[in-house]
Amino acid sequence: MVNTITAATTTTTSASSSSSSSASGSALSSDFDTFLKMLTVQMQNQDPLNPIESTDYAVQLATFSQVEQSVITNDLLEDLSAQLGLMGFSELSGWVGMEARSEAAAYFDGSSPVTLTGEFATAADTAVLIVRDADGTVIQQVTMSPTEDAFEWSGLDDGGDVFEAGTYSFEIENYYNGDYLSTTAVESYSRIVEARSDNGDVVLVLAGGNEIASDDVTALRDPS
């Protein structure tokens, strides 16, 4: 669907640019013919005792040429701007549908596990995954091994019941011999549902409504 829309936009823009350039070229040709006619009439009706200097004609021709070149340059800049705009939309469309890994809260759909990655304190011998809901309330603590690079949150509570669909955030508490060491960040994968340009920066909207900058993405993957 995105490719079809992009292709249609490209065709429309190209046609519009071609039409604009054609119209400008036709206008310039008409204006030049009019200018030559006026110049001819001016020459025919000049005062024989005080003829117009040839340099004056040269100045008029040079002035018209400058105007003509300015119009052509403007048309070229408009075409270039349109093409750059299409390139920008093409770049944005490449984000949509992908799964981005970041520290933003992840969306749990009520059935599919959430893929997580995290860093552990070097000296940690145990770790606890802290799960918070959209309000920031801790809803679950899961003991885990500090050697796992990637892991999943099943979305099930301690009784085996499924948590409600929504956004959840995660962090890791690191321990050594039962003593708290530090809290480290957890990254999760979320599907990108929208991408837009905001003052030159790419803003990504994730499933569940969270918005992040493209610079906050540390990895991308195809959901298929």
N, C-alpha and C. Protein backbone atom coordinates (compact mmCIF):
# COMPACT_ATOMS: atom_id res chain seq x y z
N MET A 1 0.83 -1.21 0.00
CA MET A 1 0.00 0.00 0.00
C MET A 1 0.86 1.25 0.00
N VAL A 2 1.94 1.23 0.78
CA VAL A 2 2.81 2.39 0.84
C VAL A 2 3.49 2.64 -0.49
N ASN A 3 3.93 1.51 -1.15
CA ASN A 3 4.59 1.67 -2.44
C ASN A 3 3.64 2.23 -3.48
N THR A 4 2.39 1.78 -3.44
CA THR A 4 1.41 2.28 -4.40
C THR A 4 1.19 3.76 -4.22
N ILE A 5 1.03 4.17 -2.98
CA ILE A 5 0.83 5.59 -2.70
C ILE A 5 2.03 6.39 -3.14
N THR A 6 3.23 5.88 -2.83
CA THR A 6 4.45 6.59 -3.22
C THR A 6 4.55 6.72 -4.72
N ALA A 7 4.24 5.64 -5.42
CA ALA A 7 4.32 5.67 -6.87
C ALA A 7 3.33 6.67 -7.45
N ALA A 8 2.13 6.68 -6.88
CA ALA A 8 1.11 7.60 -7.37
C ALA A 8 1.54 9.04 -7.13
N THR A 9 2.13 9.27 -5.95
CA THR A 9 2.60 10.62 -5.62
C THR A 9 3.68 11.06 -6.57
N THR A 10 4.60 10.12 -6.91
CA THR A 10 5.69 10.44 -7.82
C THR A 10 5.16 10.82 -9.18
N THR A 11 4.19 10.04 -9.68
CA THR A 11 3.63 10.30 -10.99
C THR A 11 2.95 11.65 -11.03
N THR A 12 2.17 11.94 -10.00
CA THR A 12 1.44 13.20 -9.95
C THR A 12 2.38 14.38 -9.90
N THR A 13 3.42 14.26 -9.05
CA THR A 13 4.37 15.36 -8.90
C THR A 13 5.14 15.58 -10.18
N SER A 14 5.55 14.48 -10.85
CA SER A 14 6.30 14.61 -12.09
C SER A 14 5.46 15.27 -13.16
N ALA A 15 4.19 14.87 -13.23
CA ALA A 15 3.29 15.44 -14.21
C ALA A 15 3.08 16.91 -13.94
N SER A 16 2.95 17.25 -12.65
CA SER A 16 2.74 18.65 -12.26
C SER A 16 3.96 19.48 -12.61
N SER A 17 5.17 18.93 -12.33
CA SER A 17 6.40 19.65 -12.63
C SER A 17 6.57 19.85 -14.11
N SER A 18 6.23 18.79 -14.89
CA SER A 18 6.34 18.88 -16.34
C SER A 18 5.40 19.92 -16.89
N SER A 19 4.16 19.93 -16.35
CA SER A 19 3.16 20.89 -16.78
C SER A 19 3.59 22.30 -16.45
N SER A 20 4.18 22.47 -15.23
CA SER A 20 4.62 23.79 -14.80
C SER A 20 5.75 24.30 -15.67
N SER A 21 6.72 23.40 -15.98
CA SER A 21 7.85 23.79 -16.81
C SER A 21 7.39 24.14 -18.21
N SER A 22 6.44 23.36 -18.75
CA SER A 22 5.92 23.61 -20.08
C SER A 22 5.22 24.95 -20.14
N ALA A 23 4.42 25.25 -19.09
CA ALA A 23 3.69 26.51 -19.05
C ALA A 23 4.65 27.69 -18.95
N SER A 24 5.72 27.52 -18.13
CA SER A 24 6.70 28.59 -17.98
C SER A 24 7.44 28.84 -19.28
N GLY A 25 7.79 27.72 -19.98
CA GLY A 25 8.49 27.86 -21.24
C GLY A 25 7.64 28.54 -22.28
N SER A 26 6.34 28.19 -22.30
CA SER A 26 5.43 28.82 -23.24
C SER A 26 5.28 30.30 -22.95
N ALA A 27 5.20 30.65 -21.65
CA ALA A 27 5.06 32.05 -21.25
C ALA A 27 6.30 32.85 -21.63
N LEU A 28 7.48 32.24 -21.43
CA LEU A 28 8.72 32.93 -21.78
C LEU A 28 8.80 33.18 -23.28
N SER A 29 8.41 32.17 -24.05
CA SER A 29 8.44 32.32 -25.50
C SER A 29 7.52 33.43 -25.95
N SER A 30 6.32 33.48 -25.36
CA SER A 30 5.35 34.52 -25.69
C SER A 30 5.87 35.90 -25.29
N ASP A 31 6.46 35.98 -24.08
CA ASP A 31 6.99 37.26 -23.61
C ASP A 31 8.14 37.74 -24.48
N PHE A 32 8.98 36.81 -24.95
CA PHE A 32 10.11 37.20 -25.78
C PHE A 32 9.64 37.73 -27.12
N ASP A 33 8.61 37.07 -27.70
CA ASP A 33 8.04 37.55 -28.97
C ASP A 33 7.49 38.96 -28.79
N THR A 34 6.78 39.16 -27.68
CA THR A 34 6.22 40.49 -27.40
C THR A 34 7.33 41.52 -27.23
N PHE A 35 8.39 41.12 -26.54
CA PHE A 35 9.52 42.03 -26.34
C PHE A 35 10.16 42.43 -27.66
N LEU A 36 10.32 41.45 -28.58
CA LEU A 36 10.92 41.75 -29.88
C LEU A 36 10.03 42.68 -30.70
N LYS A 37 8.71 42.45 -30.62
CA LYS A 37 7.79 43.33 -31.34
C LYS A 37 7.88 44.76 -30.82
N MET A 38 7.91 44.89 -29.49
CA MET A 38 8.02 46.22 -28.89
C MET A 38 9.34 46.88 -29.27
N LEU A 39 10.40 46.09 -29.31
CA LEU A 39 11.70 46.63 -29.66
C LEU A 39 11.72 47.10 -31.12
N THR A 40 11.05 46.31 -31.97
CA THR A 40 10.97 46.68 -33.39
C THR A 40 10.19 47.96 -33.58
N VAL A 41 9.05 48.08 -32.90
CA VAL A 41 8.24 49.30 -32.99
C VAL A 41 9.03 50.49 -32.46
N GLN A 42 9.79 50.25 -31.39
CA GLN A 42 10.60 51.33 -30.81
C GLN A 42 11.63 51.81 -31.82
N MET A 43 12.25 50.88 -32.55
CA MET A 43 13.25 51.24 -33.54
C MET A 43 12.62 51.99 -34.72
N GLN A 44 11.40 51.53 -35.12
CA GLN A 44 10.73 52.15 -36.27
C GLN A 44 10.27 53.58 -35.95
N ASN A 45 9.98 53.85 -34.71
CA ASN A 45 9.41 55.14 -34.34
C ASN A 45 10.39 56.05 -33.59
N GLN A 46 11.64 55.72 -33.64
CA GLN A 46 12.61 56.57 -32.96
C GLN A 46 12.82 57.87 -33.74
N ASP A 47 13.28 58.86 -33.05
CA ASP A 47 13.54 60.16 -33.65
C ASP A 47 14.81 60.07 -34.50
N PRO A 48 14.70 60.27 -35.83
CA PRO A 48 15.89 60.15 -36.69
C PRO A 48 16.99 61.12 -36.28
N LEU A 49 16.59 62.26 -35.69
CA LEU A 49 17.59 63.25 -35.29
C LEU A 49 18.22 62.91 -33.94
N ASN A 50 17.55 62.00 -33.22
CA ASN A 50 18.08 61.60 -31.90
C ASN A 50 17.87 60.09 -31.71
N PRO A 51 18.56 59.29 -32.53
CA PRO A 51 18.32 57.84 -32.50
C PRO A 51 18.78 57.21 -31.17
N ILE A 52 18.14 56.11 -30.86
CA ILE A 52 18.50 55.39 -29.63
C ILE A 52 19.86 54.73 -29.81
N GLU A 53 20.68 54.87 -28.80
CA GLU A 53 22.01 54.27 -28.87
C GLU A 53 21.91 52.75 -28.92
N SER A 54 22.81 52.12 -29.65
CA SER A 54 22.82 50.65 -29.76
C SER A 54 23.07 50.00 -28.40
N THR A 55 23.80 50.74 -27.55
CA THR A 55 24.06 50.18 -26.20
C THR A 55 22.77 50.07 -25.39
N ASP A 56 21.82 50.95 -25.65
CA ASP A 56 20.53 50.88 -24.95
C ASP A 56 19.80 49.60 -25.32
N TYR A 57 19.86 49.24 -26.61
CA TYR A 57 19.23 47.99 -27.06
C TYR A 57 19.90 46.79 -26.38
N ALA A 58 21.21 46.87 -26.29
CA ALA A 58 21.96 45.77 -25.67
C ALA A 58 21.57 45.61 -24.20
N VAL A 59 21.40 46.76 -23.52
CA VAL A 59 21.00 46.72 -22.12
C VAL A 59 19.63 46.10 -21.96
N GLN A 60 18.70 46.46 -22.85
CA GLN A 60 17.35 45.91 -22.78
C GLN A 60 17.36 44.39 -23.01
N LEU A 61 18.14 43.96 -24.02
CA LEU A 61 18.23 42.53 -24.30
C LEU A 61 18.86 41.77 -23.11
N ALA A 62 19.89 42.37 -22.52
CA ALA A 62 20.55 41.72 -21.38
C ALA A 62 19.61 41.63 -20.19
N THR A 63 18.82 42.69 -19.97
CA THR A 63 17.86 42.69 -18.85
C THR A 63 16.82 41.60 -19.03
N PHE A 64 16.30 41.48 -20.26
CA PHE A 64 15.30 40.45 -20.51
C PHE A 64 15.90 39.06 -20.34
N SER A 65 17.14 38.90 -20.79
CA SER A 65 17.82 37.61 -20.66
C SER A 65 17.98 37.22 -19.19
N GLN A 66 18.30 38.20 -18.33
CA GLN A 66 18.45 37.93 -16.90
C GLN A 66 17.14 37.48 -16.28
N VAL A 67 16.05 38.15 -16.68
CA VAL A 67 14.73 37.77 -16.17
C VAL A 67 14.39 36.36 -16.62
N GLU A 68 14.69 36.07 -17.88
CA GLU A 68 14.41 34.74 -18.42
C GLU A 68 15.17 33.66 -17.65
N GLN A 69 16.45 33.90 -17.38
CA GLN A 69 17.25 32.94 -16.65
C GLN A 69 16.76 32.77 -15.22
N SER A 70 16.27 33.84 -14.61
CA SER A 70 15.74 33.76 -13.24
C SER A 70 14.50 32.88 -13.19
N VAL A 71 13.63 33.02 -14.19
CA VAL A 71 12.42 32.21 -14.23
C VAL A 71 12.77 30.73 -14.40
N ILE A 72 13.73 30.46 -15.31
CA ILE A 72 14.14 29.07 -15.54
C ILE A 72 14.77 28.48 -14.27
N THR A 73 15.60 29.29 -13.59
CA THR A 73 16.23 28.82 -12.36
C THR A 73 15.20 28.50 -11.29
N ASN A 74 14.18 29.33 -11.16
CA ASN A 74 13.11 29.09 -10.19
C ASN A 74 12.38 27.79 -10.49
N ASP A 75 12.13 27.53 -11.78
CA ASP A 75 11.46 26.29 -12.17
C ASP A 75 12.31 25.08 -11.80
N LEU A 76 13.62 25.18 -12.05
CA LEU A 76 14.51 24.07 -11.71
C LEU A 76 14.55 23.83 -10.21
N LEU A 77 14.56 24.91 -9.43
CA LEU A 77 14.57 24.77 -7.97
C LEU A 77 13.28 24.14 -7.47
N GLU A 78 12.14 24.49 -8.09
CA GLU A 78 10.87 23.89 -7.69
C GLU A 78 10.86 22.40 -7.98
N ASP A 79 11.39 22.02 -9.16
CA ASP A 79 11.45 20.60 -9.50
C ASP A 79 12.35 19.85 -8.53
N LEU A 80 13.51 20.46 -8.19
CA LEU A 80 14.44 19.82 -7.27
C LEU A 80 13.81 19.67 -5.89
N SER A 81 13.09 20.69 -5.44
CA SER A 81 12.43 20.63 -4.14
C SER A 81 11.39 19.52 -4.11
N ALA A 82 10.66 19.38 -5.21
CA ALA A 82 9.64 18.32 -5.28
C ALA A 82 10.28 16.94 -5.21
N GLN A 83 11.41 16.76 -5.91
CA GLN A 83 12.09 15.47 -5.90
C GLN A 83 12.65 15.16 -4.51
N LEU A 84 13.22 16.18 -3.85
CA LEU A 84 13.74 15.97 -2.50
C LEU A 84 12.62 15.60 -1.53
N GLY A 85 11.44 16.21 -1.75
CA GLY A 85 10.29 15.88 -0.91
C GLY A 85 9.89 14.43 -1.06
N LEU A 86 9.92 13.92 -2.30
CA LEU A 86 9.59 12.53 -2.54
C LEU A 86 10.61 11.61 -1.90
N MET A 87 11.89 12.00 -1.96
CA MET A 87 12.93 11.20 -1.33
C MET A 87 12.70 11.13 0.18
N GLY A 88 12.27 12.26 0.76
CA GLY A 88 12.00 12.28 2.19
C GLY A 88 10.86 11.35 2.57
N PHE A 89 9.78 11.36 1.78
CA PHE A 89 8.65 10.47 2.06
C PHE A 89 9.05 9.01 1.88
N SER A 90 9.91 8.76 0.90
CA SER A 90 10.36 7.38 0.69
C SER A 90 11.15 6.89 1.89
N GLU A 91 11.99 7.77 2.46
CA GLU A 91 12.76 7.41 3.65
C GLU A 91 11.83 7.13 4.83
N LEU A 92 10.81 7.98 5.00
CA LEU A 92 9.88 7.80 6.11
C LEU A 92 9.11 6.49 5.98
N SER A 93 8.69 6.15 4.75
CA SER A 93 7.90 4.94 4.56
C SER A 93 8.70 3.69 4.89
N GLY A 94 10.05 3.80 4.80
CA GLY A 94 10.88 2.65 5.11
C GLY A 94 10.87 2.28 6.59
N TRP A 95 10.51 3.23 7.45
CA TRP A 95 10.44 2.96 8.89
C TRP A 95 9.16 2.21 9.26
N VAL A 96 8.06 2.56 8.61
CA VAL A 96 6.75 2.05 9.01
C VAL A 96 6.67 0.53 8.81
N GLY A 97 6.18 -0.16 9.84
CA GLY A 97 6.03 -1.61 9.77
C GLY A 97 7.20 -2.36 10.38
N MET A 98 8.35 -1.69 10.55
CA MET A 98 9.50 -2.33 11.15
C MET A 98 9.35 -2.34 12.67
N GLU A 99 10.13 -3.19 13.32
CA GLU A 99 10.16 -3.21 14.78
C GLU A 99 11.45 -2.54 15.24
N ALA A 100 11.31 -1.52 16.08
CA ALA A 100 12.45 -0.75 16.55
C ALA A 100 12.77 -1.11 17.99
N ARG A 101 14.06 -1.21 18.27
CA ARG A 101 14.49 -1.48 19.65
C ARG A 101 14.94 -0.18 20.30
N SER A 102 14.37 0.11 21.46
CA SER A 102 14.71 1.33 22.19
C SER A 102 14.37 1.16 23.66
N GLU A 103 14.65 2.19 24.45
CA GLU A 103 14.33 2.13 25.88
C GLU A 103 12.90 2.59 26.16
N ALA A 104 12.15 2.92 25.11
CA ALA A 104 10.77 3.36 25.30
C ALA A 104 9.90 2.20 25.81
N ALA A 105 8.81 2.56 26.47
CA ALA A 105 7.88 1.53 26.94
C ALA A 105 7.38 0.72 25.76
N ALA A 106 7.20 -0.59 25.98
CA ALA A 106 6.77 -1.49 24.92
C ALA A 106 5.27 -1.73 25.01
N TYR A 107 4.67 -2.01 23.86
CA TYR A 107 3.23 -2.31 23.83
C TYR A 107 3.03 -3.82 23.89
N PHE A 108 2.23 -4.26 24.85
CA PHE A 108 1.86 -5.67 24.98
C PHE A 108 0.44 -5.82 24.47
N ASP A 109 0.25 -6.67 23.45
CA ASP A 109 -1.06 -6.79 22.81
C ASP A 109 -2.00 -7.76 23.52
N GLY A 110 -1.55 -8.36 24.62
CA GLY A 110 -2.41 -9.29 25.36
C GLY A 110 -2.19 -10.73 25.01
N SER A 111 -1.27 -10.98 24.05
CA SER A 111 -1.03 -12.38 23.66
C SER A 111 0.43 -12.66 23.33
N SER A 112 1.07 -11.80 22.55
CA SER A 112 2.44 -12.06 22.10
C SER A 112 3.46 -11.58 23.13
N PRO A 113 4.47 -12.39 23.45
CA PRO A 113 5.51 -11.98 24.40
C PRO A 113 6.27 -10.77 23.87
N VAL A 114 6.84 -10.00 24.79
CA VAL A 114 7.63 -8.82 24.42
C VAL A 114 9.10 -9.18 24.49
N THR A 115 9.81 -8.96 23.39
CA THR A 115 11.25 -9.26 23.34
C THR A 115 12.04 -8.14 23.98
N LEU A 116 12.95 -8.51 24.90
CA LEU A 116 13.73 -7.52 25.65
C LEU A 116 15.21 -7.82 25.55
N THR A 117 16.00 -6.77 25.71
CA THR A 117 17.45 -6.92 25.85
C THR A 117 17.89 -5.99 26.98
N GLY A 118 18.91 -6.40 27.72
CA GLY A 118 19.34 -5.55 28.84
C GLY A 118 20.80 -5.79 29.20
N GLU A 119 21.36 -4.85 29.90
CA GLU A 119 22.73 -4.97 30.39
C GLU A 119 22.70 -5.21 31.90
N PHE A 120 23.61 -6.03 32.34
CA PHE A 120 23.67 -6.36 33.76
C PHE A 120 24.97 -5.83 34.37
N ALA A 121 24.94 -5.55 35.66
CA ALA A 121 26.16 -5.14 36.35
C ALA A 121 27.17 -6.28 36.28
N THR A 122 28.43 -5.93 36.08
CA THR A 122 29.47 -6.96 35.89
C THR A 122 29.55 -7.93 37.07
N ALA A 123 29.41 -7.42 38.28
CA ALA A 123 29.58 -8.27 39.46
C ALA A 123 28.29 -8.98 39.89
N ALA A 124 27.18 -8.72 39.20
CA ALA A 124 25.90 -9.27 39.63
C ALA A 124 25.86 -10.79 39.50
N ASP A 125 25.31 -11.45 40.54
CA ASP A 125 25.11 -12.89 40.45
C ASP A 125 23.63 -13.23 40.33
N THR A 126 22.79 -12.26 40.61
CA THR A 126 21.34 -12.41 40.38
C THR A 126 20.79 -11.07 39.89
N ALA A 127 19.63 -11.16 39.27
CA ALA A 127 18.99 -9.93 38.76
C ALA A 127 17.48 -10.09 38.83
N VAL A 128 16.81 -8.97 38.91
CA VAL A 128 15.35 -8.97 38.97
C VAL A 128 14.82 -8.03 37.89
N LEU A 129 13.95 -8.55 37.05
CA LEU A 129 13.30 -7.73 36.02
C LEU A 129 12.10 -7.03 36.66
N ILE A 130 12.12 -5.71 36.63
CA ILE A 130 11.04 -4.91 37.19
C ILE A 130 10.11 -4.49 36.05
N VAL A 131 8.84 -4.80 36.19
CA VAL A 131 7.85 -4.47 35.16
C VAL A 131 6.90 -3.42 35.71
N ARG A 132 6.72 -2.34 34.96
CA ARG A 132 5.82 -1.27 35.38
C ARG A 132 4.74 -1.05 34.32
N ASP A 133 3.54 -0.67 34.79
CA ASP A 133 2.47 -0.38 33.84
C ASP A 133 2.59 1.06 33.36
N ALA A 134 1.59 1.51 32.59
CA ALA A 134 1.62 2.85 32.01
C ALA A 134 1.63 3.95 33.07
N ASP A 135 1.15 3.64 34.27
CA ASP A 135 1.13 4.63 35.37
C ASP A 135 2.43 4.64 36.16
N GLY A 136 3.34 3.72 35.83
CA GLY A 136 4.60 3.65 36.55
C GLY A 136 4.56 2.75 37.77
N THR A 137 3.44 2.07 37.97
CA THR A 137 3.30 1.17 39.12
C THR A 137 3.95 -0.17 38.83
N VAL A 138 4.75 -0.66 39.79
CA VAL A 138 5.38 -1.98 39.63
C VAL A 138 4.31 -3.05 39.73
N ILE A 139 4.18 -3.85 38.67
CA ILE A 139 3.14 -4.89 38.65
C ILE A 139 3.73 -6.29 38.75
N GLN A 140 5.06 -6.39 38.53
CA GLN A 140 5.68 -7.71 38.59
C GLN A 140 7.19 -7.59 38.75
N GLN A 141 7.75 -8.59 39.47
CA GLN A 141 9.20 -8.69 39.60
C GLN A 141 9.58 -10.13 39.28
N VAL A 142 10.46 -10.27 38.30
CA VAL A 142 10.82 -11.61 37.83
C VAL A 142 12.31 -11.83 38.04
N THR A 143 12.66 -12.85 38.84
CA THR A 143 14.07 -13.19 39.06
C THR A 143 14.63 -13.84 37.80
N MET A 144 15.84 -13.43 37.40
CA MET A 144 16.43 -13.94 36.17
C MET A 144 17.94 -14.05 36.31
N SER A 145 18.53 -14.73 35.35
CA SER A 145 19.98 -14.89 35.33
C SER A 145 20.62 -13.67 34.69
N PRO A 146 21.69 -13.14 35.25
CA PRO A 146 22.35 -11.97 34.68
C PRO A 146 23.23 -12.29 33.47
N THR A 147 23.12 -13.50 32.96
CA THR A 147 23.92 -13.89 31.80
C THR A 147 23.12 -13.84 30.50
N GLU A 148 21.84 -13.57 30.60
CA GLU A 148 21.00 -13.56 29.41
C GLU A 148 21.11 -12.23 28.67
N ASP A 149 21.47 -12.30 27.38
CA ASP A 149 21.57 -11.07 26.58
C ASP A 149 20.20 -10.64 26.07
N ALA A 150 19.39 -11.61 25.69
CA ALA A 150 18.04 -11.33 25.20
C ALA A 150 17.06 -12.26 25.89
N PHE A 151 15.89 -11.76 26.21
CA PHE A 151 14.90 -12.56 26.91
C PHE A 151 13.51 -12.02 26.57
N GLU A 152 12.50 -12.70 27.01
CA GLU A 152 11.12 -12.29 26.71
C GLU A 152 10.32 -12.14 28.00
N TRP A 153 9.40 -11.18 27.95
CA TRP A 153 8.41 -11.05 29.02
C TRP A 153 7.11 -11.64 28.49
N SER A 154 6.63 -12.66 29.17
CA SER A 154 5.48 -13.41 28.67
C SER A 154 4.17 -12.63 28.74
N GLY A 155 4.09 -11.65 29.65
CA GLY A 155 2.83 -10.93 29.83
C GLY A 155 1.88 -11.65 30.76
N LEU A 156 2.39 -12.67 31.47
CA LEU A 156 1.57 -13.43 32.42
C LEU A 156 1.96 -13.07 33.85
N ASP A 157 0.97 -12.95 34.70
CA ASP A 157 1.28 -12.66 36.10
C ASP A 157 1.72 -13.94 36.80
N ASP A 158 2.02 -13.84 38.09
CA ASP A 158 2.54 -15.00 38.83
C ASP A 158 1.52 -16.13 38.93
N GLY A 159 0.25 -15.81 38.70
CA GLY A 159 -0.78 -16.84 38.75
C GLY A 159 -1.09 -17.42 37.38
N GLY A 160 -0.40 -16.93 36.35
CA GLY A 160 -0.62 -17.45 34.99
C GLY A 160 -1.67 -16.70 34.21
N ASP A 161 -2.24 -15.67 34.80
CA ASP A 161 -3.24 -14.87 34.08
C ASP A 161 -2.55 -13.81 33.23
N VAL A 162 -3.21 -13.45 32.13
CA VAL A 162 -2.62 -12.49 31.19
C VAL A 162 -2.89 -11.05 31.65
N PHE A 163 -1.84 -10.24 31.60
CA PHE A 163 -2.02 -8.82 31.90
C PHE A 163 -2.81 -8.16 30.76
N GLU A 164 -3.42 -7.03 31.08
CA GLU A 164 -4.19 -6.32 30.06
C GLU A 164 -3.26 -5.76 28.99
N ALA A 165 -3.81 -5.62 27.79
CA ALA A 165 -3.04 -5.01 26.71
C ALA A 165 -2.74 -3.56 27.07
N GLY A 166 -1.54 -3.12 26.74
CA GLY A 166 -1.15 -1.75 27.06
C GLY A 166 0.35 -1.60 26.99
N THR A 167 0.84 -0.45 27.43
CA THR A 167 2.28 -0.20 27.40
C THR A 167 2.90 -0.51 28.76
N TYR A 168 4.07 -1.13 28.70
CA TYR A 168 4.78 -1.52 29.91
C TYR A 168 6.26 -1.15 29.76
N SER A 169 6.85 -0.72 30.85
CA SER A 169 8.28 -0.38 30.84
C SER A 169 9.03 -1.35 31.75
N PHE A 170 10.34 -1.45 31.50
CA PHE A 170 11.14 -2.47 32.18
C PHE A 170 12.49 -1.90 32.62
N GLU A 171 13.02 -2.48 33.70
CA GLU A 171 14.37 -2.18 34.14
C GLU A 171 14.89 -3.38 34.92
N ILE A 172 16.19 -3.41 35.10
CA ILE A 172 16.82 -4.54 35.79
C ILE A 172 17.50 -4.06 37.07
N GLU A 173 17.20 -4.74 38.17
CA GLU A 173 17.90 -4.49 39.43
C GLU A 173 18.95 -5.58 39.60
N ASN A 174 20.17 -5.16 39.81
CA ASN A 174 21.30 -6.09 39.92
C ASN A 174 21.69 -6.30 41.39
N TYR A 175 21.99 -7.58 41.74
CA TYR A 175 22.35 -7.92 43.13
C TYR A 175 23.59 -8.82 43.17
N TYR A 176 24.32 -8.70 44.26
CA TYR A 176 25.44 -9.62 44.51
C TYR A 176 25.35 -10.08 45.96
N ASN A 177 25.23 -11.38 46.13
CA ASN A 177 25.05 -11.97 47.47
C ASN A 177 23.89 -11.32 48.21
N GLY A 178 22.86 -10.99 47.46
CA GLY A 178 21.67 -10.41 48.07
C GLY A 178 21.73 -8.91 48.25
N ASP A 179 22.89 -8.30 47.99
CA ASP A 179 23.03 -6.85 48.15
C ASP A 179 22.75 -6.15 46.81
N TYR A 180 21.99 -5.09 46.90
CA TYR A 180 21.65 -4.32 45.70
C TYR A 180 22.89 -3.61 45.16
N LEU A 181 23.12 -3.73 43.86
CA LEU A 181 24.26 -3.08 43.22
C LEU A 181 23.84 -1.85 42.42
N SER A 182 22.92 -2.03 41.49
CA SER A 182 22.54 -0.93 40.60
C SER A 182 21.29 -1.32 39.81
N THR A 183 20.74 -0.31 39.12
CA THR A 183 19.61 -0.54 38.23
C THR A 183 20.06 -0.18 36.81
N THR A 184 19.83 -1.09 35.89
CA THR A 184 20.24 -0.87 34.51
C THR A 184 19.02 -0.88 33.57
N ALA A 185 19.22 -0.24 32.42
CA ALA A 185 18.12 -0.06 31.47
C ALA A 185 17.82 -1.34 30.69
N VAL A 186 16.59 -1.41 30.22
CA VAL A 186 16.15 -2.51 29.37
C VAL A 186 15.58 -1.93 28.09
N GLU A 187 15.94 -2.53 26.98
CA GLU A 187 15.38 -2.12 25.70
C GLU A 187 14.38 -3.15 25.23
N SER A 188 13.39 -2.69 24.48
CA SER A 188 12.36 -3.60 23.98
C SER A 188 12.07 -3.28 22.52
N TYR A 189 11.50 -4.26 21.83
CA TYR A 189 11.11 -4.08 20.45
C TYR A 189 9.64 -3.68 20.37
N SER A 190 9.35 -2.66 19.56
CA SER A 190 7.97 -2.23 19.32
C SER A 190 7.79 -1.93 17.84
N ARG A 191 6.62 -2.19 17.35
CA ARG A 191 6.34 -1.95 15.93
C ARG A 191 6.12 -0.47 15.67
N ILE A 192 6.69 0.02 14.58
CA ILE A 192 6.53 1.42 14.19
C ILE A 192 5.26 1.55 13.35
N VAL A 193 4.33 2.38 13.79
CA VAL A 193 3.06 2.53 13.07
C VAL A 193 3.00 3.84 12.28
N GLU A 194 3.90 4.77 12.58
CA GLU A 194 3.90 6.04 11.87
C GLU A 194 5.29 6.67 11.95
N ALA A 195 5.67 7.36 10.87
CA ALA A 195 6.93 8.11 10.85
C ALA A 195 6.65 9.47 10.24
N ARG A 196 7.20 10.49 10.85
CA ARG A 196 6.98 11.84 10.30
C ARG A 196 8.23 12.69 10.48
N SER A 197 8.32 13.74 9.68
CA SER A 197 9.44 14.66 9.76
C SER A 197 9.01 15.87 10.58
N ASP A 198 9.78 16.18 11.61
CA ASP A 198 9.47 17.30 12.49
C ASP A 198 10.68 18.22 12.57
N ASN A 199 10.62 19.33 11.81
CA ASN A 199 11.75 20.27 11.75
C ASN A 199 13.05 19.58 11.35
N GLY A 200 12.94 18.66 10.41
CA GLY A 200 14.13 17.98 9.91
C GLY A 200 14.48 16.72 10.65
N ASP A 201 13.85 16.47 11.80
CA ASP A 201 14.10 15.26 12.58
C ASP A 201 13.01 14.24 12.31
N VAL A 202 13.39 12.96 12.27
CA VAL A 202 12.42 11.89 12.05
C VAL A 202 11.85 11.44 13.40
N VAL A 203 10.54 11.54 13.53
CA VAL A 203 9.85 11.11 14.76
C VAL A 203 9.08 9.84 14.45
N LEU A 204 9.24 8.84 15.30
CA LEU A 204 8.58 7.54 15.10
C LEU A 204 7.50 7.35 16.16
N VAL A 205 6.32 6.93 15.69
CA VAL A 205 5.23 6.61 16.61
C VAL A 205 5.14 5.09 16.71
N LEU A 206 5.25 4.58 17.93
CA LEU A 206 5.23 3.14 18.16
C LEU A 206 3.83 2.65 18.48
N ALA A 207 3.62 1.36 18.32
CA ALA A 207 2.35 0.75 18.71
C ALA A 207 2.10 1.08 20.18
N GLY A 208 0.91 1.55 20.48
CA GLY A 208 0.60 1.96 21.85
C GLY A 208 0.66 3.46 22.02
N GLY A 209 1.25 4.16 21.03
CA GLY A 209 1.23 5.63 21.06
C GLY A 209 2.51 6.32 21.47
N ASN A 210 3.50 5.58 21.96
CA ASN A 210 4.75 6.23 22.35
C ASN A 210 5.46 6.83 21.14
N GLU A 211 6.10 7.97 21.32
CA GLU A 211 6.85 8.62 20.26
C GLU A 211 8.32 8.71 20.66
N ILE A 212 9.19 8.37 19.70
CA ILE A 212 10.63 8.45 19.95
C ILE A 212 11.31 9.06 18.73
N ALA A 213 12.49 9.60 18.94
CA ALA A 213 13.28 10.11 17.83
C ALA A 213 14.00 8.94 17.17
N SER A 214 14.25 9.06 15.87
CA SER A 214 14.92 7.97 15.16
C SER A 214 16.31 7.71 15.76
N ASP A 215 16.92 8.74 16.35
CA ASP A 215 18.24 8.58 16.97
C ASP A 215 18.19 7.69 18.20
N ASP A 216 17.00 7.49 18.77
CA ASP A 216 16.87 6.66 19.97
C ASP A 216 16.79 5.17 19.63
N VAL A 217 16.67 4.85 18.34
CA VAL A 217 16.57 3.45 17.92
C VAL A 217 17.96 2.83 17.86
N THR A 218 18.14 1.71 18.54
CA THR A 218 19.44 1.05 18.57
C THR A 218 19.49 -0.17 17.66
N ALA A 219 18.31 -0.64 17.20
CA ALA A 219 18.28 -1.78 16.27
C ALA A 219 16.92 -1.81 15.58
N LEU A 220 16.91 -2.41 14.40
CA LEU A 220 15.67 -2.59 13.64
C LEU A 220 15.57 -4.04 13.22
N ARG A 221 14.35 -4.54 13.14
CA ARG A 221 14.17 -5.88 12.62
C ARG A 221 12.85 -5.97 11.88
N ASP A 222 12.80 -6.91 10.94
CA ASP A 222 11.59 -7.16 10.17
C ASP A 222 10.67 -8.04 11.03
N PRO A 223 9.44 -7.63 11.28
CA PRO A 223 8.55 -8.44 12.13
C PRO A 223 8.24 -9.82 11.56
N SER A 224 8.41 -9.98 10.24
CA SER A 224 8.12 -11.28 9.64
C SER A 224 9.25 -12.25 9.92
